[in-house]
Amino acid sequence: MAIEVRPATRFDDVKAMIGPKRPDANVCWCLSYRIPSKQNLELRGPARGDLVHQLVGQHPPPGVLAYDGDEVVGWAGVHPRADTGFATNRRIPHVDDLDVWSVWCIRVRPGHRGQGISHHLLRGAVEFAREHGAPAIEGYPLDNQGKKIDLTMAYVGTRSLFEQAGFVKAADTDSVLNGFPRVLMRLDLR
C-alpha cells in the first residue's frame, strides 16, 4: 500500500470522506471548528456542502486527503488557526502570538482503519502547512493514555499519534472530549 497525501482540491473526494449519505442531513462536514460557531449552528442541510465546495476552491484548500492509488481513504482538516474557531476558543489556549496552523480532524474511511493512514495524514498535514509558510502547527488531541476511544470522537487524534509525528505537548487545555482531556500538541516548522 502506497499512501499519497494531497491537498483537498477535489470536492467529490472531500464529500466522500466527510459528507453525508443524504444531501439534506446536518452532518459536520468538518465545519464545526472551521467556521464561527454561530454560522455553524445556522448552516443547515445542503448549505453545509455548498460552503465546503467553496472552501475546496480557495487557496489554500481546507485540508488534505489520503489516497491509496485512485481511492480516497482519509481526510485531515488543516488551516491557519486564525481562520478557525481555535482563534477564539476559550478552552484551547494560545501559547504565543505566532501565526500557527491547526490540524483538528483526522478521519480514515471504514475498511482502511488500522493501516497507519492517520500517520500519513498527519505527516501530510504538517507538510501542507510547511509548504504554505506556517511557522508551527498545532493539534488538540485526546490524552487517552492508551485507553479505548469511541470512534465518533477519535477524529481529534490521540496524544501518542501526535508524539509519533514529532509534536510535543505545549499546554494543557480546558477541553474534554469523550471523558478524556485534550492537550495542545505543537510542532515547530522553522
Protein backbone atom coordinates (compact mmCIF):
# COMPACT_ATOMS: atom_id res chain seq x y z
CA MET A 1 0.00 0.00 0.00
CA ALA A 2 1.48 3.33 -1.13
CA ILE A 3 -0.50 6.12 0.52
CA GLU A 4 -0.19 9.55 -1.07
CA VAL A 5 -1.42 12.69 0.70
CA ARG A 6 -2.51 15.64 -1.45
CA PRO A 7 -4.25 18.99 -0.90
CA ALA A 8 -8.04 18.64 -0.73
CA THR A 9 -8.88 20.26 -4.08
CA ARG A 10 -11.37 17.66 -5.39
CA PHE A 11 -14.80 18.27 -3.89
CA ASP A 12 -16.15 14.81 -4.73
CA ASP A 13 -13.31 13.23 -2.76
CA VAL A 14 -13.83 15.58 0.19
CA LYS A 15 -17.55 14.75 0.07
CA ALA A 16 -16.77 11.02 0.06
CA MET A 17 -14.76 11.46 3.26
CA ILE A 18 -16.80 13.96 5.30
CA GLY A 19 -20.12 14.43 3.52
CA PRO A 20 -23.44 12.84 4.42
CA LYS A 21 -25.14 9.88 2.76
CA ARG A 22 -28.28 12.08 2.41
CA PRO A 23 -27.82 15.60 0.98
CA ASP A 24 -30.32 17.11 3.48
CA ALA A 25 -28.52 15.71 6.55
CA ASN A 26 -26.95 18.13 9.02
CA VAL A 27 -23.59 16.39 9.41
CA CYS A 28 -20.46 18.24 10.43
CA TRP A 29 -18.68 18.38 7.05
CA CYS A 30 -15.64 19.24 9.23
CA LEU A 31 -17.04 22.75 9.68
CA SER A 32 -17.57 22.82 13.46
CA TYR A 33 -14.05 24.13 14.08
CA ARG A 34 -13.51 25.72 10.67
CA ILE A 35 -16.22 28.41 10.78
CA PRO A 36 -17.60 30.61 13.57
CA SER A 37 -19.91 28.78 15.98
CA LYS A 38 -22.96 30.91 15.14
CA GLN A 39 -22.56 30.27 11.41
CA ASN A 40 -22.02 26.55 12.08
CA LEU A 41 -25.29 26.35 14.02
CA GLU A 42 -27.26 28.28 11.38
CA LEU A 43 -25.95 26.37 8.35
CA ARG A 44 -28.36 23.54 7.52
CA GLY A 45 -28.54 20.60 5.12
CA PRO A 46 -27.18 21.15 1.59
CA ALA A 47 -25.89 24.64 2.50
CA ARG A 48 -23.14 22.92 4.53
CA GLY A 49 -21.89 21.05 1.47
CA ASP A 50 -22.17 24.21 -0.64
CA LEU A 51 -19.84 26.03 1.77
CA VAL A 52 -17.34 23.17 1.74
CA HIS A 53 -17.45 23.24 -2.08
CA GLN A 54 -16.47 26.93 -1.91
CA LEU A 55 -13.70 26.25 0.63
CA VAL A 56 -12.23 23.48 -1.55
CA GLY A 57 -11.88 26.05 -4.35
CA GLN A 58 -9.99 28.53 -2.17
CA HIS A 59 -6.24 28.79 -1.69
CA PRO A 60 -5.21 27.10 0.45
CA PRO A 61 -7.92 24.42 0.46
CA PRO A 62 -9.38 23.33 3.83
CA GLY A 63 -7.27 20.22 4.35
CA VAL A 64 -5.56 17.22 2.83
CA LEU A 65 -6.73 13.86 1.51
CA ALA A 66 -5.03 10.47 1.59
CA TYR A 67 -5.20 8.22 -1.46
CA ASP A 68 -4.48 4.55 -1.94
CA GLY A 69 -3.99 4.62 -5.69
CA ASP A 70 -7.04 6.47 -7.03
CA GLU A 71 -9.21 5.71 -4.00
CA VAL A 72 -9.63 8.40 -1.35
CA VAL A 73 -9.13 6.80 2.07
CA GLY A 74 -8.55 9.67 4.51
CA TRP A 75 -9.06 13.32 5.38
CA ALA A 76 -7.33 15.81 7.66
CA GLY A 77 -8.69 19.31 8.31
CA VAL A 78 -5.75 21.72 8.48
CA HIS A 79 -5.65 25.50 8.05
CA PRO A 80 -4.24 28.67 9.63
CA ARG A 81 -5.57 28.85 13.20
CA ALA A 82 -6.65 32.45 12.53
CA ASP A 83 -9.24 31.08 10.06
CA THR A 84 -10.67 28.56 12.53
CA GLY A 85 -12.70 28.51 15.72
CA PHE A 86 -9.45 27.90 17.61
CA ALA A 87 -8.60 31.58 17.08
CA THR A 88 -11.21 32.48 19.72
CA ASN A 89 -11.74 29.17 21.55
CA ARG A 90 -11.59 29.84 25.30
CA ARG A 91 -10.81 26.22 26.18
CA ILE A 92 -7.75 25.86 23.93
CA PRO A 93 -5.00 28.35 24.91
CA HIS A 94 -2.64 30.25 22.65
CA VAL A 95 0.92 29.61 23.81
CA ASP A 96 2.30 32.61 21.89
CA ASP A 97 1.45 35.05 19.10
CA LEU A 98 2.83 33.01 16.19
CA ASP A 99 0.52 32.63 13.20
CA VAL A 100 0.30 28.86 13.70
CA TRP A 101 -1.76 26.37 11.75
CA SER A 102 -4.20 23.93 13.34
CA VAL A 103 -4.99 20.33 12.45
CA TRP A 104 -8.32 19.44 14.05
CA CYS A 105 -9.77 16.42 12.29
CA ILE A 106 -8.23 13.17 11.09
CA ARG A 107 -10.61 10.71 9.51
CA VAL A 108 -9.91 7.35 7.90
CA ARG A 109 -12.50 5.62 5.76
CA PRO A 110 -14.05 2.45 7.20
CA GLY A 111 -12.34 -0.61 5.78
CA HIS A 112 -8.99 1.19 5.78
CA ARG A 113 -8.52 1.75 9.51
CA GLY A 114 -5.66 0.12 11.38
CA GLN A 115 -3.29 0.50 8.43
CA GLY A 116 -1.39 3.61 9.55
CA ILE A 117 -3.29 6.03 7.32
CA SER A 118 -3.80 8.52 10.18
CA HIS A 119 0.01 8.74 10.47
CA HIS A 120 0.25 9.52 6.74
CA LEU A 121 -2.50 12.14 7.09
CA LEU A 122 -0.80 13.89 9.99
CA ARG A 123 2.56 13.94 8.19
CA GLY A 124 0.78 15.25 5.09
CA ALA A 125 -0.94 17.99 7.12
CA VAL A 126 2.45 19.03 8.52
CA GLU A 127 3.98 19.20 5.03
CA PHE A 128 0.96 21.12 3.72
CA ALA A 129 1.32 23.72 6.49
CA ARG A 130 5.10 23.93 5.97
CA GLU A 131 4.68 24.44 2.20
CA HIS A 132 2.32 27.34 2.94
CA GLY A 133 4.80 29.07 5.27
CA ALA A 134 3.41 28.05 8.67
CA PRO A 135 5.95 28.69 11.45
CA ALA A 136 4.37 25.95 13.58
CA ILE A 137 1.42 23.57 13.56
CA GLU A 138 -0.79 22.56 16.47
CA GLY A 139 -3.21 19.76 17.18
CA TYR A 140 -5.59 19.29 20.10
CA PRO A 141 -5.80 15.51 20.57
CA LEU A 142 -7.13 13.37 23.38
CA ASP A 143 -4.73 12.33 26.11
CA ASN A 144 -6.33 8.90 26.40
CA GLN A 145 -3.26 7.19 27.91
CA GLY A 146 -3.81 4.14 25.70
CA LYS A 147 -7.46 3.66 26.70
CA LYS A 148 -10.07 2.90 24.03
CA ILE A 149 -11.80 5.89 22.42
CA ASP A 150 -15.25 5.89 20.87
CA LEU A 151 -14.67 6.03 17.08
CA THR A 152 -17.01 9.01 16.69
CA MET A 153 -14.71 11.01 19.00
CA ALA A 154 -11.39 9.74 17.63
CA TYR A 155 -11.35 12.40 14.90
CA VAL A 156 -9.19 14.74 17.01
CA GLY A 157 -6.44 12.12 17.24
CA THR A 158 -4.51 10.93 20.23
CA ARG A 159 -1.52 12.35 22.02
CA SER A 160 0.57 9.33 21.00
CA LEU A 161 -0.27 9.84 17.30
CA PHE A 162 0.99 13.42 17.51
CA GLU A 163 4.07 12.44 19.54
CA GLN A 164 4.99 9.85 16.91
CA ALA A 165 4.87 12.67 14.33
CA GLY A 166 7.32 14.78 16.36
CA PHE A 167 4.83 17.05 18.13
CA VAL A 168 5.44 17.93 21.78
CA LYS A 169 2.96 18.88 24.46
CA ALA A 170 2.88 22.67 24.68
CA ALA A 171 -0.03 23.15 27.08
CA ASP A 172 -2.96 21.59 28.87
CA THR A 173 -6.42 22.72 27.76
CA ASP A 174 -9.78 23.09 29.45
CA SER A 175 -11.37 20.94 26.74
CA VAL A 176 -12.61 17.40 27.41
CA LEU A 177 -13.98 15.05 24.77
CA ASN A 178 -15.39 11.57 25.37
CA GLY A 179 -14.25 11.84 29.00
CA PHE A 180 -10.60 12.45 28.06
CA PRO A 181 -8.69 15.72 28.41
CA ARG A 182 -7.40 17.33 25.25
CA VAL A 183 -3.83 18.59 25.17
CA LEU A 184 -2.22 21.17 22.92
CA MET A 185 0.48 19.45 20.85
CA ARG A 186 2.82 21.55 18.73
CA LEU A 187 5.50 21.12 16.10
CA ASP A 188 7.88 23.94 15.22
CA LEU A 189 8.34 24.22 11.44
CA ARG A 190 11.03 26.91 11.37
